[in-house]
Protein backbone atom coordinates (compact mmCIF):
# COMPACT_ATOMS: atom_id res chain seq x y z
CA MET A 1 -12.61 17.90 54.96
CA ASN A 2 -10.29 19.26 57.64
CA MET A 3 -6.71 19.22 56.32
CA GLN A 4 -5.16 20.55 59.53
CA ALA A 5 -3.01 18.23 61.63
CA THR A 6 -4.53 17.06 64.91
CA ASN A 7 -2.99 17.83 68.29
CA PHE A 8 -1.54 14.32 68.34
CA GLU A 9 0.02 14.71 64.89
CA PHE A 10 1.66 17.99 65.82
CA ARG A 11 2.87 16.86 69.21
CA PHE A 12 4.37 13.63 67.83
CA ARG A 13 5.24 14.94 64.36
CA PHE A 14 8.79 13.55 64.40
CA LEU A 15 7.45 10.13 65.43
CA VAL A 16 4.91 10.26 62.59
CA ILE A 17 7.67 11.15 60.12
CA SER A 18 9.80 8.28 61.44
CA ILE A 19 6.90 5.83 61.05
CA VAL A 20 6.45 6.84 57.39
CA PHE A 21 10.16 6.24 56.75
CA TRP A 22 9.97 2.88 58.52
CA LEU A 23 6.90 1.88 56.50
CA GLY A 24 8.56 2.91 53.24
CA PHE A 25 11.74 0.94 53.87
CA SER A 26 9.83 -2.06 55.24
CA LEU A 27 8.36 -2.55 51.77
CA TYR A 28 11.67 -4.09 50.71
CA SER A 29 10.07 -7.31 51.98
CA LEU A 30 7.73 -7.11 48.96
CA ASP A 31 10.11 -5.77 46.33
CA ARG A 32 13.92 -5.94 46.43
CA VAL A 33 14.48 -3.42 43.62
CA ASN A 34 15.92 -0.11 44.80
CA ALA A 35 14.11 2.98 43.46
CA GLY A 36 17.28 4.79 42.39
CA ASP A 37 18.63 1.69 40.69
CA ALA A 38 15.31 1.10 38.93
CA LEU A 39 15.32 4.66 37.59
CA ALA A 40 18.93 4.25 36.40
CA SER A 41 17.99 1.03 34.57
CA TRP A 42 15.04 2.72 32.87
CA ILE A 43 17.13 5.70 31.72
CA ALA A 44 19.93 3.42 30.50
CA ALA A 45 17.44 1.36 28.49
CA HIS A 46 16.23 4.51 26.73
CA SER A 47 19.59 6.19 26.16
CA ALA A 48 23.21 5.50 25.28
CA LEU A 49 24.40 6.26 28.81
CA ALA A 50 25.93 3.61 31.05
CA LYS A 51 23.72 2.47 33.90
CA ASP A 52 26.51 2.78 36.50
CA HIS A 53 27.13 6.41 35.59
CA ILE A 54 23.42 7.20 35.73
CA ALA A 55 23.06 5.49 39.10
CA ARG A 56 25.96 7.49 40.53
CA LEU A 57 24.34 10.70 39.28
CA ILE A 58 20.97 9.77 40.78
CA PHE A 59 22.44 9.00 44.19
CA ALA A 60 24.59 12.14 44.02
CA LEU A 61 21.43 14.18 43.42
CA ALA A 62 19.75 12.38 46.32
CA ALA A 63 22.71 13.28 48.53
CA LEU A 64 22.48 16.91 47.37
CA LEU A 65 18.78 17.00 48.26
CA THR A 66 19.35 15.63 51.77
CA PHE A 67 22.27 18.02 52.30
CA SER A 68 20.09 20.92 51.13
CA ALA A 69 17.32 19.77 53.48
CA ALA A 70 19.67 19.79 56.48
CA ALA A 71 21.15 23.17 55.48
CA ILE A 72 17.75 24.82 55.00
CA ARG A 73 16.43 23.47 58.30
CA THR A 74 19.57 24.59 60.11
CA TRP A 75 19.25 28.08 58.61
CA ALA A 76 15.61 28.22 59.73
CA SER A 77 16.41 26.90 63.23
CA ALA A 78 19.10 29.55 63.62
CA TYR A 79 16.35 32.19 63.58
CA LEU A 80 13.38 30.29 65.02
CA HIS A 81 15.59 28.51 67.62
CA SER A 82 15.77 24.75 68.00
CA HIS A 83 13.84 24.52 71.27
CA VAL A 84 10.83 25.96 69.41
CA VAL A 85 11.38 23.75 66.35
CA HIS A 86 11.39 20.57 68.43
CA ASP A 87 8.86 21.57 71.08
CA THR A 88 5.69 19.49 71.27
CA ALA A 89 3.67 22.69 71.73
CA LEU A 90 2.76 24.97 68.84
CA HIS A 91 4.26 28.44 69.32
CA SER A 92 2.33 31.28 67.71
CA GLU A 93 3.18 34.12 70.08
CA ARG A 94 5.56 35.76 67.60
CA LEU A 95 6.16 35.84 63.87
CA VAL A 96 9.66 35.09 62.60
CA ALA A 97 10.38 36.73 59.23
CA ASP A 98 14.17 36.67 59.07
CA GLY A 99 16.68 34.39 57.35
CA PRO A 100 14.95 31.85 55.08
CA TYR A 101 11.55 33.08 56.28
CA ARG A 102 12.07 36.12 54.03
CA PHE A 103 12.02 33.78 51.00
CA VAL A 104 9.54 31.05 51.99
CA ARG A 105 7.02 30.71 54.82
CA ASN A 106 7.79 27.12 55.76
CA PRO A 107 11.51 26.36 55.28
CA LEU A 108 11.43 23.60 57.89
CA TYR A 109 8.82 21.70 55.88
CA VAL A 110 10.68 22.38 52.65
CA GLY A 111 13.48 20.44 54.37
CA VAL A 112 11.11 17.62 55.33
CA ILE A 113 9.96 17.20 51.72
CA LEU A 114 13.49 17.37 50.30
CA VAL A 115 14.79 14.78 52.75
CA GLY A 116 11.82 12.58 51.86
CA ILE A 117 12.78 12.64 48.18
CA GLY A 118 16.47 12.16 48.93
CA MET A 119 16.00 9.30 51.39
CA GLY A 120 13.23 7.82 49.26
CA SER A 121 15.82 7.05 46.58
CA MET A 122 17.25 4.46 48.98
CA ALA A 123 13.90 2.69 49.39
CA ASN A 124 12.36 0.30 46.89
CA ARG A 125 10.04 1.39 44.10
CA TYR A 126 6.92 1.28 46.28
CA GLY A 127 8.67 2.68 49.31
CA PHE A 128 9.83 5.74 47.36
CA PHE A 129 6.24 6.80 46.69
CA VAL A 130 5.11 5.98 50.23
CA ILE A 131 7.86 8.16 51.69
CA VAL A 132 7.56 11.07 49.27
CA ILE A 133 3.76 11.21 49.33
CA GLY A 134 3.83 10.73 53.10
CA MET A 135 6.20 13.67 53.57
CA PHE A 136 4.03 15.90 51.41
CA VAL A 137 0.86 14.96 53.32
CA ILE A 138 2.50 15.41 56.72
CA ALA A 139 4.07 18.73 55.73
CA PHE A 140 0.84 20.21 54.37
CA ARG A 141 -1.26 19.09 57.34
CA LEU A 142 1.24 20.64 59.77
CA ILE A 143 1.49 23.80 57.68
CA PHE A 144 -2.29 24.28 57.62
CA ARG A 145 -2.40 23.81 61.40
CA GLU A 146 0.38 26.33 62.03
CA GLU A 147 -0.96 28.89 59.58
CA ALA A 148 -4.43 28.81 61.13
CA GLN A 149 -3.05 29.36 64.63
CA LEU A 150 -0.64 32.10 63.54
CA LEU A 151 -3.43 33.86 61.70
CA ALA A 152 -5.61 33.69 64.81
CA SER A 153 -2.87 35.06 67.08
CA GLN A 154 -1.06 37.51 64.78
CA GLY A 155 -4.00 38.78 62.76
CA GLU A 156 -3.45 41.28 59.97
CA SER A 157 0.36 41.25 60.18
CA TYR A 158 0.43 37.53 59.44
CA ARG A 159 -2.20 37.92 56.73
CA ARG A 160 0.10 40.38 54.95
CA TYR A 161 2.96 37.90 55.37
CA LEU A 162 0.81 35.16 53.83
CA GLN A 163 0.10 37.36 50.83
CA THR A 164 3.74 38.35 50.35
CA VAL A 165 5.87 35.23 51.02
CA PRO A 166 5.27 31.92 49.16
CA ARG A 167 4.28 28.84 51.15
CA LEU A 168 6.72 26.17 49.89
CA ILE A 169 8.46 27.27 46.67
CA PRO A 170 11.13 29.79 47.73
CA ALA A 171 11.28 33.17 46.03
CA PHE A 172 14.53 34.15 44.32
CA THR A 173 14.72 37.40 46.27
CA PRO A 174 13.59 38.33 49.80
CA ARG A 175 9.90 39.20 49.94
CA VAL A 176 10.06 41.04 53.28
CA GLY A 177 12.65 43.24 54.92
CA ALA A 178 15.02 41.95 57.61
CA SER A 179 14.23 42.86 61.21
CA GLY A 180 17.85 42.59 62.31
CA ALA A 181 17.48 39.36 64.30
CA ARG A 182 20.78 37.54 64.80
CA PRO A 183 21.03 33.82 63.99
CA ARG A 184 22.21 31.32 66.62
CA TRP A 185 24.11 28.79 64.55
CA ALA A 186 25.54 26.47 67.23
CA GLN A 187 22.16 25.48 68.69
CA ALA A 188 20.73 25.24 65.16
CA PHE A 189 23.32 22.70 64.00
CA PHE A 190 22.91 20.77 67.23
CA GLY A 191 19.13 20.70 66.89
CA GLU A 192 19.29 19.41 63.32
CA THR A 193 21.79 16.57 63.90
CA PHE A 194 19.12 14.05 62.86
CA PHE A 195 18.84 15.61 59.39
CA TRP A 196 22.61 16.04 59.07
CA ALA A 197 22.96 12.30 59.76
CA PHE A 198 20.56 11.67 56.87
CA ALA A 199 22.71 13.91 54.68
CA LEU A 200 25.89 12.15 55.76
CA ALA A 201 24.33 8.75 55.06
CA ASN A 202 23.36 9.65 51.51
CA ILE A 203 26.65 11.43 50.81
CA SER A 204 28.64 8.43 52.03
CA PHE A 205 26.60 6.10 49.82
CA ALA A 206 26.90 8.38 46.77
CA VAL A 207 30.68 8.40 47.16
CA THR A 208 31.24 4.72 48.00
CA LEU A 209 28.07 2.92 46.80
CA ASN A 210 28.55 0.86 49.96
CA LEU A 211 25.47 0.38 52.14
CA LYS A 212 27.62 -0.28 55.20
CA TYR A 213 28.47 3.40 55.56
CA TRP A 214 24.87 4.38 54.90
CA TYR A 215 23.61 2.18 57.72
CA MET A 216 26.39 3.34 60.07
CA SER A 217 25.40 6.98 59.54
CA LEU A 218 21.73 6.26 60.16
CA LEU A 219 22.46 4.31 63.33
CA ALA A 220 24.46 7.27 64.61
CA ALA A 221 21.41 9.51 64.03
CA ILE A 222 19.35 7.78 66.73
CA PRO A 223 21.50 8.57 69.80
CA LEU A 224 22.39 12.00 68.38
CA TYR A 225 18.71 12.89 68.02
CA ALA A 226 17.90 11.59 71.51
CA LEU A 227 20.75 13.65 72.96
CA SER A 228 19.74 16.81 71.12
CA VAL A 229 16.10 16.50 72.23
CA ALA A 230 17.13 15.95 75.86
CA VAL A 231 19.41 19.00 75.84
CA LEU A 232 16.83 21.19 74.11
CA LYS A 233 14.15 20.17 76.62
CA ARG A 234 16.50 21.07 79.46
CA GLN A 235 17.18 24.46 77.87
CA THR A 236 13.46 25.05 77.44
CA ARG A 237 12.77 24.25 81.10
CA ALA A 238 15.64 26.48 82.17
CA GLY A 239 14.34 29.34 80.03
CA SER A 240 10.81 28.92 81.40
CA SER A 241 11.98 28.98 85.01
CA ALA A 242 14.12 32.05 84.34
């Protein structure tokens, strides 16, 4: 069985991710019980802790996961560059082994999985599993596709990198030396506005427990993402013509 993502999956990977989130949250039509609230009720029933305190802790952890996802992806984009991260084409002409890539091979997909768990806490009980499992499947299929192409283009140097740096669970210390590449933080934050909106949504809900602010943050993510993609495409075209 071929576990590599197809050309369509890679080209429209952000659309595929969005569809999984939509499918997960649409399951509220079948079950109105929130996953985080259900977990808080279960823990409260088996302990002496108050359900409200447990729920606040669960949603705080979810906010921390989404914040970590945005931070890790921004760190990775600072070295890989956002126009490559969001390009529909797979770039395998060079190997990036700086920043988070010294600790883990696929920090961008670590972010995808973390944001799936964090945002999944806002779905219902079925939706949580659809989103989390969906993010894992998408991430691994894209990883297998990228690794195969990088191995074909980079050869032995990438094979050594595969053997040295873990795929998804970050090492505690750098596994490869730094090459001296300088991060570009401004374009990285701009390119990851979609994930920062997710983080803001979950943080606002964890603080207020008010869904109004959660929805407002998510609605803001749509035009921000569209703007960032348009600007990055323009920069890519400008770089190609230069």
